[in-house]
Amino acid sequence: MTTGARSNMVAGLAFLAMTALSAALLAGFFGTLHPAFDSFSHFRIHLSVLMALLALPLLATSFRLQAAAALLFAIACLATTASTLSTLWPQPAVAKPADQAVYSLLQMNLRFNNPTPKKVLSLIGRTNPDVITLDEVSGMWATELGTITSAYPYRILCPYPNGMFGVALLSRRPFVAGSTPHCEPRGAMAIATVDFGGISVDVAAIHLSWPWPKEQYWQIGELAQPLATLGETAIMAGDCNGVPWSAAVRRVTALGGLTLMPSAGPTWIHRTLPDFLRRYAGLPIDQVFSKGGLTILSSTRLEDTGSDHLPVLVEFTLRPQEQKPVDEHESATVSLPQPGKPQG
């Protein structure tokens, strides 16, 4: 085979690969039609980068027009993930308000068989968050978390049927008197109303299954009712096994009437891959949602604690709850003279 023929064959194979990647990328934008398409969306950044790398050398071949179109498509796809890509560079510090209390939430997927639980407990002790949302709470973790009961006396643990993937919610601040913390179907969600200095906030921990062909799509349907009943002011965090731009995460956001926090950056990578890649080439699947009088100030990925996820620390403020206006009819009734009651 001549050099020219070999070059043409390589270019042809690169073109076929580039075409396949563009089809996968395009499918990811139709996740609302079927969860199978949404599975492609989770790898949008990776697929875009690979397609661009294939397109660049093809600009010097007979496939130059197709390569140019593919390169533009890759750039457009990356633009939809801009909030995540921006976290790969240092961000300017946000000034904390001097006239408002600042609270914190720590989100962690513990990893059900984490070999270094003491790292987790040490991180909790150093960051001292007000509330903690936890995923993959196995029987081992139920025991380990018992050692910090004095620091976090308000808690709810929701076991998963297989005993490995439950969720938990721990709080230094009391649950609102008269409220009842509860677990949702199959231990996928824990909800408690927490008293933050007189302001009631629904706090939820959530853990979704893997995308299609796993059961994520159907699981979100099961959680539609509890998501819809979150209070006026709420914060929810967890391992969604879904990236911010996926149809799955958008569906959760809509069902709860929530706002999705800008991504803290990649938090997960498969355990068989080098750990240092997680911050740069991992998937941003640990999400934080909020609504009502809650303003998120910052989110920071913390150091490795033995899980395949990085912890995320979130700081937020709360607006004082407004008093409900007195009903005009009730006020008028109260002001009327009462029969038989002397006026004076």
Protein backbone atom coordinates (compact mmCIF):
# COMPACT_ATOMS: atom_id res chain seq x y z
CA MET A 1 0.00 0.00 0.00
CA THR A 2 1.36 3.37 -0.99
CA THR A 3 1.83 6.23 1.46
CA GLY A 4 -0.98 8.20 -0.18
CA ALA A 5 -3.40 5.28 0.01
CA ARG A 6 -2.51 4.71 3.66
CA SER A 7 -3.09 8.38 4.44
CA ASN A 8 -6.47 8.30 2.70
CA MET A 9 -7.48 5.21 4.64
CA VAL A 10 -6.48 6.81 7.97
CA ALA A 11 -8.36 10.00 7.05
CA GLY A 12 -11.40 7.92 6.12
CA LEU A 13 -11.36 6.07 9.45
CA ALA A 14 -10.93 9.35 11.33
CA PHE A 15 -13.90 10.78 9.43
CA LEU A 16 -16.07 7.79 10.34
CA ALA A 17 -15.07 8.10 14.00
CA MET A 18 -15.78 11.84 13.93
CA THR A 19 -19.21 11.19 12.40
CA ALA A 20 -20.04 8.60 15.08
CA LEU A 21 -19.04 11.05 17.82
CA SER A 22 -21.18 13.80 16.31
CA ALA A 23 -24.17 11.42 16.22
CA ALA A 24 -23.65 10.56 19.90
CA LEU A 25 -23.37 14.25 20.78
CA LEU A 26 -26.52 15.09 18.85
CA ALA A 27 -28.45 12.28 20.55
CA GLY A 28 -27.61 13.78 23.93
CA PHE A 29 -29.71 16.86 23.13
CA PHE A 30 -32.86 14.72 22.79
CA GLY A 31 -32.85 13.25 26.27
CA THR A 32 -36.42 14.35 26.91
CA LEU A 33 -37.60 12.02 24.13
CA HIS A 34 -36.06 8.89 25.65
CA PRO A 35 -33.67 8.27 28.56
CA ALA A 36 -31.37 6.32 26.24
CA PHE A 37 -30.54 9.58 24.44
CA ASP A 38 -29.94 11.31 27.76
CA SER A 39 -27.24 8.78 28.60
CA PHE A 40 -25.09 10.30 25.85
CA SER A 41 -25.47 13.80 27.31
CA HIS A 42 -23.42 12.91 30.38
CA PHE A 43 -20.30 12.61 28.24
CA ARG A 44 -20.84 15.80 26.24
CA ILE A 45 -17.54 17.37 27.25
CA HIS A 46 -15.52 14.23 26.57
CA LEU A 47 -17.20 13.55 23.23
CA SER A 48 -16.79 17.19 22.15
CA VAL A 49 -13.09 17.20 22.94
CA LEU A 50 -12.52 13.90 21.12
CA MET A 51 -14.44 15.10 18.07
CA ALA A 52 -12.46 18.34 17.96
CA LEU A 53 -9.18 16.42 18.17
CA LEU A 54 -10.23 14.28 15.23
CA ALA A 55 -11.49 17.25 13.22
CA LEU A 56 -8.33 19.34 13.48
CA PRO A 57 -6.04 17.10 11.36
CA LEU A 58 -8.90 16.44 8.92
CA LEU A 59 -8.89 20.15 8.04
CA ALA A 60 -5.85 19.37 5.90
CA THR A 61 -7.60 16.57 3.96
CA SER A 62 -10.41 16.23 1.47
CA PHE A 63 -12.80 16.08 4.45
CA ARG A 64 -11.98 19.68 5.38
CA LEU A 65 -15.55 20.98 5.05
CA GLN A 66 -16.98 18.19 7.19
CA ALA A 67 -14.16 18.69 9.71
CA ALA A 68 -14.85 22.42 9.94
CA ALA A 69 -18.54 21.76 10.55
CA ALA A 70 -17.69 19.17 13.20
CA LEU A 71 -15.29 21.56 14.91
CA LEU A 72 -17.96 24.26 15.10
CA PHE A 73 -20.46 21.72 16.45
CA ALA A 74 -17.97 20.60 19.11
CA ILE A 75 -17.42 24.20 20.23
CA ALA A 76 -21.17 24.81 20.37
CA CYS A 77 -21.64 21.66 22.48
CA LEU A 78 -18.89 22.73 24.88
CA ALA A 79 -20.61 26.10 25.24
CA THR A 80 -23.60 24.34 26.82
CA THR A 81 -21.30 23.10 29.59
CA ALA A 82 -19.61 26.45 30.23
CA SER A 83 -20.57 26.64 33.91
CA THR A 84 -18.77 23.37 34.57
CA LEU A 85 -15.72 24.15 32.46
CA SER A 86 -15.29 27.49 34.25
CA THR A 87 -14.69 25.65 37.54
CA LEU A 88 -11.43 24.23 36.18
CA TRP A 89 -9.84 27.67 36.65
CA PRO A 90 -9.49 29.65 39.92
CA GLN A 91 -12.62 31.65 40.74
CA PRO A 92 -12.67 35.07 42.45
CA ALA A 93 -13.70 34.95 46.10
CA VAL A 94 -17.26 36.03 46.87
CA ALA A 95 -17.62 38.53 49.70
CA LYS A 96 -19.79 37.20 52.51
CA PRO A 97 -22.58 39.54 53.61
CA ALA A 98 -21.78 41.27 56.89
CA ASP A 99 -25.43 41.63 57.89
CA GLN A 100 -26.52 38.01 57.39
CA ALA A 101 -25.62 34.70 58.99
CA VAL A 102 -23.75 32.35 56.65
CA TYR A 103 -24.58 28.65 56.87
CA SER A 104 -22.91 25.63 55.28
CA LEU A 105 -23.90 22.27 53.84
CA LEU A 106 -21.50 19.41 53.15
CA GLN A 107 -22.48 16.93 50.43
CA MET A 108 -20.65 13.59 50.31
CA ASN A 109 -21.05 10.28 48.58
CA LEU A 110 -19.31 8.21 51.25
CA ARG A 111 -18.72 5.09 49.13
CA PHE A 112 -20.40 2.12 50.83
CA ASN A 113 -17.09 0.27 51.37
CA ASN A 114 -14.80 3.26 51.91
CA PRO A 115 -11.52 1.94 53.40
CA THR A 116 -10.71 5.23 55.16
CA PRO A 117 -13.79 6.33 57.17
CA LYS A 118 -11.61 8.32 59.57
CA LYS A 119 -10.78 10.73 56.71
CA VAL A 120 -14.48 11.45 56.35
CA LEU A 121 -14.97 12.07 60.06
CA SER A 122 -11.88 14.26 60.16
CA LEU A 123 -13.17 16.37 57.25
CA ILE A 124 -16.52 16.82 58.98
CA GLY A 125 -14.74 17.93 62.14
CA ARG A 126 -12.58 20.46 60.28
CA THR A 127 -15.32 21.97 58.12
CA ASN A 128 -17.98 21.86 60.87
CA PRO A 129 -20.94 22.26 58.47
CA ASP A 130 -24.41 23.09 59.75
CA VAL A 131 -25.99 20.22 57.81
CA ILE A 132 -24.60 17.20 55.97
CA THR A 133 -26.18 15.22 53.13
CA LEU A 134 -24.77 11.74 52.61
CA ASP A 135 -25.09 9.01 49.97
CA GLU A 136 -24.15 5.31 49.94
CA VAL A 137 -24.74 5.02 53.67
CA SER A 138 -24.14 1.32 54.34
CA GLY A 139 -24.33 -0.53 57.65
CA MET A 140 -20.66 0.26 58.22
CA TRP A 141 -21.38 3.96 57.92
CA ALA A 142 -24.34 3.80 60.30
CA THR A 143 -21.84 2.66 62.94
CA GLU A 144 -19.14 5.19 62.02
CA LEU A 145 -21.58 8.11 61.99
CA GLY A 146 -22.68 7.12 65.47
CA THR A 147 -19.36 8.42 66.78
CA ILE A 148 -20.33 12.02 65.94
CA THR A 149 -23.84 11.91 67.40
CA SER A 150 -22.97 14.50 70.03
CA ALA A 151 -21.90 16.98 67.33
CA TYR A 152 -24.81 16.11 65.00
CA PRO A 153 -27.67 14.95 67.23
CA TYR A 154 -30.40 15.66 64.69
CA ARG A 155 -30.35 13.01 61.99
CA ILE A 156 -32.25 10.65 59.78
CA LEU A 157 -30.80 7.58 58.05
CA CYS A 158 -32.72 6.01 55.18
CA PRO A 159 -31.54 2.47 54.36
CA TYR A 160 -31.57 1.14 50.81
CA PRO A 161 -32.99 -2.37 50.23
CA ASN A 162 -29.55 -3.80 49.45
CA GLY A 163 -28.08 -2.22 52.59
CA MET A 164 -25.43 -0.24 50.70
CA PHE A 165 -26.84 2.80 48.93
CA GLY A 166 -28.98 4.57 51.52
CA VAL A 167 -28.99 8.31 52.19
CA ALA A 168 -28.66 10.24 55.44
CA LEU A 169 -29.11 13.76 56.70
CA LEU A 170 -27.21 15.06 59.74
CA SER A 171 -27.68 18.46 61.37
CA ARG A 172 -26.13 20.50 64.17
CA ARG A 173 -29.28 22.60 64.16
CA PRO A 174 -32.57 21.26 65.51
CA PHE A 175 -35.38 19.98 63.39
CA VAL A 176 -38.42 22.27 63.54
CA ALA A 177 -40.70 21.34 66.43
CA GLY A 178 -43.72 19.39 65.25
CA SER A 179 -42.12 18.42 61.93
CA THR A 180 -41.40 14.79 61.06
CA PRO A 181 -38.23 13.84 59.14
CA HIS A 182 -38.95 11.07 56.70
CA CYS A 183 -37.50 8.75 54.07
CA GLU A 184 -38.81 8.41 50.56
CA PRO A 185 -39.12 5.26 48.40
CA ARG A 186 -36.29 2.76 48.72
CA GLY A 187 -34.05 5.07 50.72
CA ALA A 188 -33.37 7.36 47.77
CA MET A 189 -34.31 10.57 49.57
CA ALA A 190 -34.36 11.96 53.11
CA ILE A 191 -36.22 15.15 54.06
CA ALA A 192 -36.19 17.15 57.28
CA THR A 193 -37.28 20.68 58.19
CA VAL A 194 -34.38 22.38 59.95
CA ASP A 195 -34.51 25.45 62.17
CA PHE A 196 -31.85 27.94 61.08
CA GLY A 197 -32.08 30.62 63.74
CA GLY A 198 -35.86 30.79 63.57
CA ILE A 199 -36.10 30.25 59.80
CA SER A 200 -37.57 26.93 58.67
CA VAL A 201 -35.81 25.27 55.73
CA ASP A 202 -36.58 21.92 54.15
CA VAL A 203 -33.27 20.08 53.73
CA ALA A 204 -33.15 16.99 51.52
CA ALA A 205 -30.53 14.39 50.63
CA ILE A 206 -31.03 12.56 47.33
CA HIS A 207 -29.28 9.70 45.55
CA LEU A 208 -30.35 8.73 42.06
CA SER A 209 -29.54 5.52 40.24
CA TRP A 210 -27.38 5.34 37.12
CA PRO A 211 -28.86 6.54 33.81
CA TRP A 212 -30.54 4.30 31.23
CA PRO A 213 -30.41 1.33 30.92
CA LYS A 214 -30.41 1.54 34.72
CA GLU A 215 -33.49 2.81 36.56
CA GLN A 216 -32.77 6.55 36.96
CA TYR A 217 -35.66 7.68 34.74
CA TRP A 218 -38.26 5.60 36.59
CA GLN A 219 -36.81 6.48 39.98
CA ILE A 220 -37.26 10.21 39.33
CA GLY A 221 -40.92 9.46 38.58
CA GLU A 222 -41.23 7.75 41.97
CA LEU A 223 -39.79 10.85 43.65
CA ALA A 224 -42.06 13.32 41.83
CA GLN A 225 -44.48 13.69 44.75
CA PRO A 226 -41.90 14.26 47.53
CA LEU A 227 -40.00 16.68 45.29
CA ALA A 228 -43.18 18.66 44.69
CA THR A 229 -43.92 18.89 48.42
CA LEU A 230 -40.63 20.52 49.42
CA GLY A 231 -41.32 23.70 51.39
CA GLU A 232 -41.19 27.27 50.14
CA THR A 233 -37.55 27.56 51.19
CA ALA A 234 -35.46 24.43 50.63
CA ILE A 235 -32.01 23.10 49.81
CA MET A 236 -31.35 19.64 48.38
CA ALA A 237 -28.03 17.98 47.60
CA GLY A 238 -26.86 14.59 46.48
CA ASP A 239 -25.27 12.26 43.99
CA CYS A 240 -27.65 12.57 41.04
CA ASN A 241 -25.60 10.37 38.72
CA GLY A 242 -26.46 13.05 36.20
CA VAL A 243 -24.65 16.12 34.86
CA PRO A 244 -26.18 19.61 35.18
CA TRP A 245 -27.23 19.83 31.52
CA SER A 246 -28.86 16.38 31.40
CA ALA A 247 -32.60 15.93 30.96
CA ALA A 248 -32.64 13.93 34.21
CA VAL A 249 -31.29 16.79 36.34
CA ARG A 250 -33.51 19.32 34.55
CA ARG A 251 -36.49 17.08 35.32
CA VAL A 252 -35.61 16.94 39.03
CA THR A 253 -35.25 20.73 39.04
CA ALA A 254 -38.68 21.20 37.44
CA LEU A 255 -40.49 18.69 39.67
CA GLY A 256 -39.25 20.41 42.80
CA GLY A 257 -39.64 23.98 41.55
CA LEU A 258 -35.93 24.29 42.32
CA THR A 259 -32.96 26.24 41.03
CA LEU A 260 -29.84 24.25 40.20
CA MET A 261 -26.65 25.65 41.69
CA PRO A 262 -23.84 26.31 39.19
CA SER A 263 -21.67 23.21 39.10
CA ALA A 264 -18.84 22.87 41.59
CA GLY A 265 -16.93 20.99 38.88
CA PRO A 266 -16.14 17.32 38.19
CA THR A 267 -16.63 15.18 41.30
CA TRP A 268 -16.61 11.55 40.13
CA ILE A 269 -14.49 9.23 38.03
CA HIS A 270 -14.45 5.47 37.77
CA ARG A 271 -12.26 3.88 40.42
CA THR A 272 -10.18 2.05 37.81
CA LEU A 273 -8.88 5.39 36.45
CA PRO A 274 -6.13 7.48 38.07
CA ASP A 275 -7.54 9.55 40.90
CA PHE A 276 -5.82 12.80 39.83
CA LEU A 277 -7.96 12.85 36.68
CA ARG A 278 -11.17 13.25 38.68
CA ARG A 279 -10.89 17.03 39.15
CA TYR A 280 -10.22 17.63 35.46
CA ALA A 281 -11.74 14.79 33.44
CA GLY A 282 -14.38 13.45 35.82
CA LEU A 283 -18.14 13.93 35.66
CA PRO A 284 -19.92 16.71 37.63
CA ILE A 285 -22.70 14.54 39.08
CA ASP A 286 -22.97 15.82 42.68
CA GLN A 287 -25.63 18.53 42.51
CA VAL A 288 -27.12 21.13 44.85
CA PHE A 289 -30.59 22.63 44.37
CA SER A 290 -32.38 25.41 46.22
CA LYS A 291 -35.48 27.57 46.22
CA GLY A 292 -37.22 30.33 48.11
CA GLY A 293 -35.37 32.67 50.42
CA LEU A 294 -32.08 30.81 50.18
CA THR A 295 -29.09 32.30 48.37
CA ILE A 296 -26.05 30.13 47.62
CA LEU A 297 -22.80 32.06 47.99
CA SER A 298 -20.16 29.50 47.03
CA SER A 299 -19.42 25.85 46.38
CA THR A 300 -16.04 24.18 46.80
CA ARG A 301 -14.78 20.69 46.06
CA LEU A 302 -12.77 19.39 48.98
CA GLU A 303 -10.01 16.80 49.26
CA ASP A 304 -10.35 13.09 48.63
CA THR A 305 -11.74 11.08 51.56
CA GLY A 306 -11.48 7.56 50.14
CA SER A 307 -14.63 7.67 48.02
CA ASP A 308 -14.84 7.79 44.24
CA HIS A 309 -16.61 11.18 44.70
CA LEU A 310 -15.18 14.45 45.95
CA PRO A 311 -17.05 16.19 48.80
CA VAL A 312 -18.73 19.52 48.01
CA LEU A 313 -19.02 22.28 50.62
CA VAL A 314 -21.71 24.90 50.01
CA GLU A 315 -22.21 28.20 51.83
CA PHE A 316 -25.55 30.00 51.79
CA THR A 317 -27.61 32.72 53.44
CA LEU A 318 -31.30 32.96 54.27
CA ARG A 319 -33.70 35.85 53.95
CA PRO A 320 -35.84 36.42 57.07
CA GLN A 321 -39.27 34.92 56.62
CA GLU A 322 -41.86 37.59 55.99
CA GLN A 323 -44.93 37.78 58.19
CA LYS A 324 -48.06 36.83 56.29
CA PRO A 325 -50.36 39.83 55.80
CA VAL A 326 -53.40 39.86 58.05
CA ASP A 327 -56.54 38.87 56.18
CA GLU A 328 -58.58 42.05 55.53
CA HIS A 329 -61.91 40.30 56.15
CA GLU A 330 -60.63 38.93 59.45
CA SER A 331 -59.35 42.38 60.47
CA ALA A 332 -62.68 43.98 59.66
CA THR A 333 -64.55 41.32 61.63
CA VAL A 334 -62.34 41.77 64.65
CA SER A 335 -62.84 45.55 64.56
CA LEU A 336 -66.67 45.31 64.55
CA PRO A 337 -68.43 45.84 67.87
CA GLN A 338 -69.37 42.53 69.47
CA PRO A 339 -73.02 42.11 70.49
CA GLY A 340 -73.56 42.61 74.18
CA LYS A 341 -70.02 43.89 74.69
CA PRO A 342 -69.77 47.44 76.03
CA GLN A 343 -67.74 49.87 74.01
CA GLY A 344 -65.38 52.25 75.67
